[in-house]
């Protein structure tokens, strides 16, 4: 018996909630499939599948509480009350998750209506990560060391004078470590800490939940409408739902160069900024600044959220490069929630298919600014590159 479990339906990244709200409105009958990708080639001990299944089955008991609903209504006025009523009645359905283990290899897939299955990805990754450390009997740093490391980072970031958020739910060491990190970050008065992507911890510690949309939003649009229309329609639909709120656009689902070709003056003015999630951060900053200037927009009135595998050294380098040129903010994930003296896992879960009206599956792909992060069917990747004129 392993007592690894989620304690709240809001123990999830905020962008899953914001995307679910949009999917309920715009794509209520779409069916999708997700797949676990073990990038780090981690070995899973015998019985891991059974332990994960047990934790997944327990998730069916989670329910939005009255206090959680009040928190959401108060903190996120751009999310409509009908959606909060929907979330209040929502339950995870464990039958949507297929788990299989062959030797030390783990297979996890999720399939079903998009508006229902969209919430599985982040908690599944968090559970896999936590169970991995527990079942391999790996000893982490003490609570005091975890708190102390976090406070040191917060001090360094405050000295740099840059805002940062905690983005580490999906690859956290454990719920307990993320809680310790949040406790440390919120006890500092002079901090530049502005919030967390985790809605449960945002509520618990009285900070802002942060997030907009993920790669899957654009990947779905490519499968549904074609690669050439994906960025533009994904942004247009986002604006239709949020009317200017939640205005940070994710730029690298089909490379930043392709994104900026479609991020025209309307979108550049309407969105508050963009998020960097792959490739060279300084090169991305130059491209973003030049793009705003081309459209007659002062980059200092816009900002970039950097969120790609950040540590203090990277944050300092980016800050020194960008200061005085464009607004900046940072989303730091694993370096906060899994800096415990053990090697963090390198795992993801990606949208891999969208079911067409004729019931055939359309494979989805992601072509980030790092070729190593390309995901999806190889033939479809080549097709996307041809359509979008992407040259390696």
Protein backbone atom coordinates (compact mmCIF):
# COMPACT_ATOMS: atom_id res chain seq x y z
CA UNK A 1 0.00 0.00 0.00
CA UNK A 2 1.31 3.43 -0.98
CA UNK A 3 -0.60 6.40 0.33
CA UNK A 4 0.28 8.73 -2.54
CA UNK A 5 -2.83 10.67 -3.44
CA UNK A 6 -4.24 14.03 -4.48
CA UNK A 7 -6.20 15.87 -1.80
CA UNK A 8 -7.92 18.48 -3.94
CA UNK A 9 -9.45 18.65 -7.40
CA UNK A 10 -7.63 22.01 -7.73
CA UNK A 11 -4.21 20.35 -7.27
CA UNK A 12 -3.54 21.03 -10.93
CA UNK A 13 -2.00 23.69 -13.17
CA UNK A 14 -4.22 26.72 -13.68
CA UNK A 15 -3.94 26.54 -17.47
CA UNK A 16 -5.76 23.20 -17.36
CA UNK A 17 -8.72 24.92 -15.69
CA UNK A 18 -8.68 27.89 -18.10
CA UNK A 19 -8.42 25.58 -21.12
CA UNK A 20 -11.17 23.30 -19.79
CA UNK A 21 -13.46 26.32 -19.49
CA UNK A 22 -12.75 27.18 -23.14
CA UNK A 23 -13.17 23.57 -24.31
CA UNK A 24 -16.54 23.22 -22.55
CA UNK A 25 -17.71 26.30 -24.48
CA UNK A 26 -16.20 25.69 -27.89
CA UNK A 27 -15.44 21.98 -28.34
CA UNK A 28 -17.84 20.01 -26.12
CA UNK A 29 -17.95 16.94 -28.38
CA UNK A 30 -14.25 16.60 -29.33
CA UNK A 31 -12.54 13.32 -28.44
CA UNK A 32 -8.78 13.19 -27.84
CA UNK A 33 -5.98 10.93 -26.72
CA UNK A 34 -2.92 11.62 -24.50
CA UNK A 35 0.21 9.53 -24.00
CA UNK A 36 2.89 9.43 -21.29
CA UNK A 37 6.40 10.03 -22.69
CA UNK A 38 9.34 8.82 -20.60
CA UNK A 39 11.97 11.23 -21.96
CA UNK A 40 14.47 10.37 -19.23
CA UNK A 41 14.22 6.59 -19.88
CA UNK A 42 13.46 6.05 -16.19
CA UNK A 43 13.10 2.46 -14.91
CA UNK A 44 9.94 1.67 -12.95
CA UNK A 45 10.00 -0.96 -10.17
CA UNK A 46 7.76 -4.01 -10.13
CA UNK A 47 4.22 -3.20 -9.04
CA UNK A 48 4.44 0.46 -10.11
CA UNK A 49 1.42 0.10 -12.40
CA UNK A 50 -0.73 -1.23 -9.54
CA UNK A 51 0.34 1.58 -7.20
CA UNK A 52 -0.38 4.21 -9.86
CA UNK A 53 -3.75 2.60 -10.63
CA UNK A 54 -4.65 2.76 -6.93
CA UNK A 55 -3.80 6.48 -6.79
CA UNK A 56 -5.74 7.15 -10.01
CA UNK A 57 -8.81 5.29 -8.72
CA UNK A 58 -8.80 7.45 -5.56
CA UNK A 59 -9.06 10.56 -7.75
CA UNK A 60 -12.69 9.65 -8.52
CA UNK A 61 -13.51 10.76 -4.95
CA UNK A 62 -12.27 14.34 -5.49
CA UNK A 63 -14.89 17.06 -5.66
CA UNK A 64 -14.81 20.86 -5.80
CA UNK A 65 -15.65 22.12 -2.31
CA UNK A 66 -17.84 25.11 -1.59
CA UNK A 67 -14.82 27.11 -0.36
CA UNK A 68 -12.84 26.21 -3.49
CA UNK A 69 -15.72 27.36 -5.69
CA UNK A 70 -15.90 30.67 -3.78
CA UNK A 71 -12.13 31.12 -4.17
CA UNK A 72 -12.36 30.56 -7.93
CA UNK A 73 -15.31 32.94 -8.33
CA UNK A 74 -13.54 35.65 -6.31
CA UNK A 75 -10.06 35.25 -7.81
CA UNK A 76 -10.92 34.49 -11.44
CA UNK A 77 -13.83 36.77 -12.45
CA UNK A 78 -13.12 36.04 -16.14
CA UNK A 79 -14.21 32.40 -15.64
CA UNK A 80 -18.01 32.22 -15.91
CA UNK A 81 -20.21 30.91 -13.14
CA UNK A 82 -21.79 28.21 -15.39
CA UNK A 83 -18.31 26.68 -15.75
CA UNK A 84 -17.81 26.73 -11.98
CA UNK A 85 -21.16 24.95 -11.63
CA UNK A 86 -19.88 22.39 -14.15
CA UNK A 87 -16.61 21.96 -12.22
CA UNK A 88 -18.60 21.49 -9.00
CA UNK A 89 -20.32 18.51 -10.59
CA UNK A 90 -17.19 17.14 -12.30
CA UNK A 91 -15.56 13.88 -11.18
CA UNK A 92 -12.45 12.22 -12.58
CA UNK A 93 -13.36 9.00 -14.39
CA UNK A 94 -10.47 6.51 -13.85
CA UNK A 95 -11.71 4.34 -16.75
CA UNK A 96 -10.37 7.06 -19.10
CA UNK A 97 -6.83 6.15 -17.99
CA UNK A 98 -5.09 3.00 -19.26
CA UNK A 99 -1.98 1.92 -17.31
CA UNK A 100 0.29 -0.95 -18.35
CA UNK A 101 3.73 -2.08 -17.22
CA UNK A 102 6.08 -4.39 -19.13
CA UNK A 103 9.18 -5.12 -17.04
CA UNK A 104 10.49 -1.70 -16.00
CA UNK A 105 8.67 0.17 -18.79
CA UNK A 106 5.47 2.07 -18.06
CA UNK A 107 2.72 2.91 -20.52
CA UNK A 108 -0.04 5.40 -19.65
CA UNK A 109 -2.68 6.67 -22.08
CA UNK A 110 -5.81 8.76 -21.57
CA UNK A 111 -8.70 8.81 -24.02
CA UNK A 112 -12.14 10.41 -24.05
CA UNK A 113 -14.03 13.67 -24.44
CA UNK A 114 -11.53 16.53 -24.38
CA UNK A 115 -13.48 18.60 -21.86
CA UNK A 116 -13.35 15.66 -19.43
CA UNK A 117 -9.85 14.27 -20.04
CA UNK A 118 -8.02 17.61 -20.11
CA UNK A 119 -7.49 17.60 -16.33
CA UNK A 120 -5.59 14.29 -16.17
CA UNK A 121 -2.13 15.24 -17.50
CA UNK A 122 -0.63 17.25 -14.62
CA UNK A 123 -1.84 15.11 -11.69
CA UNK A 124 -0.78 11.91 -13.48
CA UNK A 125 2.76 13.25 -13.95
CA UNK A 126 2.87 14.45 -10.33
CA UNK A 127 1.73 11.01 -9.10
CA UNK A 128 4.25 9.18 -11.31
CA UNK A 129 7.04 11.39 -10.00
CA UNK A 130 6.09 11.01 -6.33
CA UNK A 131 5.60 7.24 -6.59
CA UNK A 132 8.94 6.87 -8.41
CA UNK A 133 10.86 8.34 -5.48
CA UNK A 134 8.83 6.50 -2.86
CA UNK A 135 8.92 3.05 -4.47
CA UNK A 136 12.64 3.31 -5.24
CA UNK A 137 13.24 4.27 -1.56
CA UNK A 138 15.16 7.41 -2.52
CA UNK A 139 15.95 9.70 0.41
CA UNK A 140 15.48 13.40 -0.20
CA UNK A 141 16.90 16.41 1.62
CA UNK A 142 15.32 17.25 4.97
CA UNK A 143 12.40 19.69 5.21
CA UNK A 144 14.77 22.30 6.69
CA UNK A 145 17.17 22.01 3.74
CA UNK A 146 14.30 22.26 1.21
CA UNK A 147 13.00 25.43 2.94
CA UNK A 148 16.49 26.90 3.22
CA UNK A 149 17.31 26.31 -0.47
CA UNK A 150 14.00 27.89 -1.48
CA UNK A 151 14.59 30.96 0.69
CA UNK A 152 18.08 31.40 -0.77
CA UNK A 153 16.62 31.36 -4.29
CA UNK A 154 13.90 33.83 -3.30
CA UNK A 155 16.59 36.14 -1.84
CA UNK A 156 18.68 35.97 -5.01
CA UNK A 157 15.63 36.69 -7.20
CA UNK A 158 14.60 39.60 -4.97
CA UNK A 159 18.11 41.07 -5.33
CA UNK A 160 17.79 40.75 -9.11
CA UNK A 161 14.46 42.58 -8.79
CA UNK A 162 12.54 40.18 -11.05
CA UNK A 163 9.06 38.77 -10.57
CA UNK A 164 8.77 34.99 -10.53
CA UNK A 165 6.10 32.34 -10.08
CA UNK A 166 6.24 28.68 -9.03
CA UNK A 167 5.44 26.40 -11.99
CA UNK A 168 6.55 23.02 -10.61
CA UNK A 169 3.48 20.79 -10.09
CA UNK A 170 3.98 18.27 -12.88
CA UNK A 171 7.50 17.16 -11.94
CA UNK A 172 7.48 17.91 -8.23
CA UNK A 173 9.23 15.53 -5.87
CA UNK A 174 6.01 15.24 -3.91
CA UNK A 175 2.99 17.15 -2.67
CA UNK A 176 4.82 17.66 0.62
CA UNK A 177 7.88 19.25 -1.02
CA UNK A 178 5.73 21.61 -3.11
CA UNK A 179 3.93 22.59 0.09
CA UNK A 180 7.27 23.32 1.81
CA UNK A 181 8.39 25.41 -1.16
CA UNK A 182 5.16 27.42 -1.11
CA UNK A 183 5.44 27.92 2.65
CA UNK A 184 8.98 29.27 2.23
CA UNK A 185 8.09 31.53 -0.70
CA UNK A 186 5.10 33.11 1.04
CA UNK A 187 6.79 33.82 4.38
CA UNK A 188 9.18 36.43 2.90
CA UNK A 189 7.92 40.01 3.02
CA UNK A 190 10.47 41.50 0.60
CA UNK A 191 9.91 38.78 -1.99
CA UNK A 192 9.29 39.24 -5.72
CA UNK A 193 7.25 36.01 -5.73
CA UNK A 194 3.93 36.67 -7.50
CA UNK A 195 2.02 33.38 -7.52
CA UNK A 196 1.85 29.73 -8.53
CA UNK A 197 0.49 27.68 -11.41
CA UNK A 198 -1.04 25.30 -8.84
CA UNK A 199 -4.61 26.39 -8.03
CA UNK A 200 -4.82 24.39 -4.78
CA UNK A 201 -1.66 26.00 -3.38
CA UNK A 202 -2.71 29.43 -4.67
CA UNK A 203 -5.84 29.11 -2.54
CA UNK A 204 -4.02 27.64 0.47
CA UNK A 205 -1.39 30.41 0.56
CA UNK A 206 -3.54 33.31 -0.66
CA UNK A 207 -1.58 34.05 -3.85
CA UNK A 208 -2.52 34.45 -7.50
CA UNK A 209 -3.07 31.36 -9.71
CA UNK A 210 -1.03 31.90 -12.87
CA UNK A 211 -1.41 30.41 -16.35
CA UNK A 212 -3.19 30.75 -19.69
CA UNK A 213 -2.93 27.90 -22.21
CA UNK A 214 -0.58 25.03 -23.10
CA UNK A 215 0.80 23.50 -26.31
CA UNK A 216 -2.20 21.18 -26.55
CA UNK A 217 -4.46 24.18 -27.30
CA UNK A 218 -2.51 24.84 -30.52
CA UNK A 219 -1.94 21.15 -31.28
CA UNK A 220 -5.69 20.52 -31.17
CA UNK A 221 -6.33 23.44 -33.52
CA UNK A 222 -3.79 22.07 -36.01
CA UNK A 223 -5.52 18.67 -36.03
CA UNK A 224 -8.95 20.27 -36.31
CA UNK A 225 -8.24 23.08 -38.82
CA UNK A 226 -4.81 22.40 -40.37
CA UNK A 227 -1.28 23.53 -39.55
CA UNK A 228 -1.48 26.85 -41.39
CA UNK A 229 -4.53 27.97 -39.40
CA UNK A 230 -3.51 26.56 -36.01
CA UNK A 231 -1.84 29.56 -34.36
CA UNK A 232 -4.27 32.14 -35.68
CA UNK A 233 -7.45 30.23 -34.81
CA UNK A 234 -6.11 29.12 -31.42
CA UNK A 235 -5.45 32.77 -30.51
CA UNK A 236 -8.76 33.94 -32.00
CA UNK A 237 -10.72 31.36 -30.02
CA UNK A 238 -8.84 32.29 -26.85
CA UNK A 239 -9.83 35.93 -27.34
CA UNK A 240 -13.44 34.91 -28.02
CA UNK A 241 -13.61 33.23 -24.61
CA UNK A 242 -11.50 35.57 -22.46
CA UNK A 243 -12.01 38.96 -24.17
CA UNK A 244 -8.52 40.26 -23.33
CA UNK A 245 -8.02 38.54 -19.97
CA UNK A 246 -5.37 35.81 -19.58
CA UNK A 247 -3.34 37.54 -22.26
CA UNK A 248 -0.07 35.59 -22.46
CA UNK A 249 0.36 33.69 -25.73
CA UNK A 250 2.46 30.52 -25.93
CA UNK A 251 4.69 30.92 -28.96
CA UNK A 252 6.59 27.73 -29.75
CA UNK A 253 4.15 24.94 -30.68
CA UNK A 254 5.13 25.24 -34.35
CA UNK A 255 8.35 27.26 -33.86
CA UNK A 256 8.54 30.88 -32.85
CA UNK A 257 9.27 32.09 -36.40
CA UNK A 258 5.98 30.62 -37.69
CA UNK A 259 4.13 32.00 -34.65
CA UNK A 260 5.32 35.57 -35.19
CA UNK A 261 4.25 35.44 -38.83
CA UNK A 262 0.68 35.01 -37.55
CA UNK A 263 0.93 37.10 -34.37
CA UNK A 264 -0.10 40.23 -36.26
CA UNK A 265 -0.66 43.76 -34.94
CA UNK A 266 -4.14 42.90 -33.64
CA UNK A 267 -2.83 40.01 -31.52
CA UNK A 268 0.37 41.84 -30.58
CA UNK A 269 -1.69 44.71 -29.18
CA UNK A 270 -4.38 42.54 -27.60
CA UNK A 271 -2.14 40.04 -25.79
CA UNK A 272 -0.09 41.34 -22.86
CA UNK A 273 2.91 39.27 -23.80
CA UNK A 274 4.29 35.88 -24.82
CA UNK A 275 5.72 32.84 -23.03
CA UNK A 276 9.09 31.32 -23.88
CA UNK A 277 9.27 27.55 -23.42
CA UNK A 278 12.04 26.19 -25.67
CA UNK A 279 15.14 27.21 -27.60
CA UNK A 280 17.63 29.99 -26.91
CA UNK A 281 16.07 32.49 -24.49
CA UNK A 282 18.15 35.50 -25.57
CA UNK A 283 17.50 34.85 -29.25
CA UNK A 284 13.79 34.61 -28.43
CA UNK A 285 13.96 37.96 -26.59
CA UNK A 286 15.56 39.61 -29.63
CA UNK A 287 12.89 38.19 -31.96
CA UNK A 288 10.07 39.31 -29.64
CA UNK A 289 11.44 42.84 -29.21
CA UNK A 290 11.97 43.20 -32.97
CA UNK A 291 8.43 41.91 -33.63
CA UNK A 292 6.83 44.50 -31.34
CA UNK A 293 8.97 47.29 -32.79
CA UNK A 294 8.00 46.30 -36.34
CA UNK A 295 4.36 46.82 -35.34
CA UNK A 296 5.04 50.19 -33.71
CA UNK A 297 4.55 48.81 -30.17
CA UNK A 298 6.91 49.78 -27.33
CA UNK A 299 8.27 46.44 -26.01
CA UNK A 300 8.51 47.93 -22.51
CA UNK A 301 4.70 47.89 -22.40
CA UNK A 302 4.74 44.13 -23.11
CA UNK A 303 6.47 41.23 -21.39
CA UNK A 304 7.93 37.77 -21.83
CA UNK A 305 7.35 34.99 -19.30
CA UNK A 306 10.38 32.70 -19.43
CA UNK A 307 9.59 29.14 -18.31
CA UNK A 308 12.08 26.76 -19.92
CA UNK A 309 14.10 24.67 -17.40
CA UNK A 310 15.14 27.72 -15.41
CA UNK A 311 17.71 27.95 -12.64
CA UNK A 312 19.20 31.04 -10.95
CA UNK A 313 22.08 31.33 -13.42
CA UNK A 314 19.73 31.33 -16.41
CA UNK A 315 17.40 33.83 -14.75
CA UNK A 316 20.31 36.19 -14.05
CA UNK A 317 21.63 35.94 -17.61
CA UNK A 318 18.18 36.60 -19.12
CA UNK A 319 17.52 39.49 -16.71
CA UNK A 320 20.80 41.22 -17.48
CA UNK A 321 20.18 40.83 -21.21
CA UNK A 322 16.54 41.98 -21.25
CA UNK A 323 16.47 44.70 -18.59
CA UNK A 324 15.37 48.03 -20.05
CA UNK A 325 14.37 46.41 -23.35
CA UNK A 326 11.14 44.49 -22.56
CA UNK A 327 9.13 43.48 -19.50
CA UNK A 328 10.14 40.11 -18.05
CA UNK A 329 8.82 37.55 -15.59
CA UNK A 330 9.83 33.97 -14.78
CA UNK A 331 7.98 30.70 -14.18
CA UNK A 332 10.33 28.37 -12.31
CA UNK A 333 9.29 24.74 -12.06
CA UNK A 334 11.42 21.73 -11.23
CA UNK A 335 14.27 23.84 -9.83
CA UNK A 336 11.91 24.87 -7.03
CA UNK A 337 9.75 21.77 -6.43
CA UNK A 338 12.32 19.07 -7.08
CA UNK A 339 15.67 20.46 -5.91
CA UNK A 340 15.97 17.93 -3.09
CA UNK A 341 19.30 16.19 -3.68
CA UNK A 342 17.86 13.67 -6.17
CA UNK A 343 17.74 13.68 -9.96
CA UNK A 344 14.43 15.16 -11.18
CA UNK A 345 12.45 13.02 -13.60
CA UNK A 346 12.26 13.99 -17.27
CA UNK A 347 8.68 13.01 -18.09
CA UNK A 348 5.85 14.57 -20.09
CA UNK A 349 2.34 13.71 -21.19
CA UNK A 350 1.28 14.95 -24.60
CA UNK A 351 -1.88 15.18 -26.67
CA UNK A 352 -1.21 12.60 -29.42
CA UNK A 353 -4.48 12.44 -31.36
CA UNK A 354 -7.81 14.12 -32.10
CA UNK A 355 -10.74 12.08 -33.41
CA UNK A 356 -12.22 13.42 -36.64
CA UNK A 357 -15.96 13.37 -37.34
CA UNK A 358 -15.52 10.19 -39.40
CA UNK A 359 -14.02 8.54 -36.26
CA UNK A 360 -10.50 8.41 -37.73
CA UNK A 361 -7.66 9.62 -35.51
CA UNK A 362 -5.64 12.64 -36.64
CA UNK A 363 -2.17 12.54 -35.05
CA UNK A 364 -1.00 15.75 -33.35
CA UNK A 365 2.55 17.11 -33.41
CA UNK A 366 4.60 19.77 -31.66
CA UNK A 367 7.57 21.42 -33.37
CA UNK A 368 9.23 23.42 -30.61
CA UNK A 369 12.31 25.59 -31.08
CA UNK A 370 14.43 22.65 -29.90
CA UNK A 371 14.42 19.77 -32.36
CA UNK A 372 14.87 17.32 -29.48
CA UNK A 373 11.47 18.40 -28.20
CA UNK A 374 9.62 17.59 -31.43
CA UNK A 375 6.83 15.19 -30.51
CA UNK A 376 4.36 13.21 -32.57
CA UNK A 377 4.04 10.96 -35.59
CA UNK A 378 7.22 11.29 -37.76
CA UNK A 379 5.22 11.45 -41.03
CA UNK A 380 2.97 14.17 -39.60
CA UNK A 381 6.04 16.10 -38.35
CA UNK A 382 7.44 16.10 -41.91
CA UNK A 383 4.05 17.18 -43.28
CA UNK A 384 3.83 20.05 -40.77
CA UNK A 385 7.37 21.19 -41.65
CA UNK A 386 6.45 21.19 -45.35
CA UNK A 387 3.18 23.08 -44.84
CA UNK A 388 4.80 25.68 -42.59
CA UNK A 389 8.05 25.94 -44.60
CA UNK A 390 10.17 25.00 -41.59
CA UNK A 391 13.75 24.13 -42.47
CA UNK A 392 16.00 22.29 -39.99
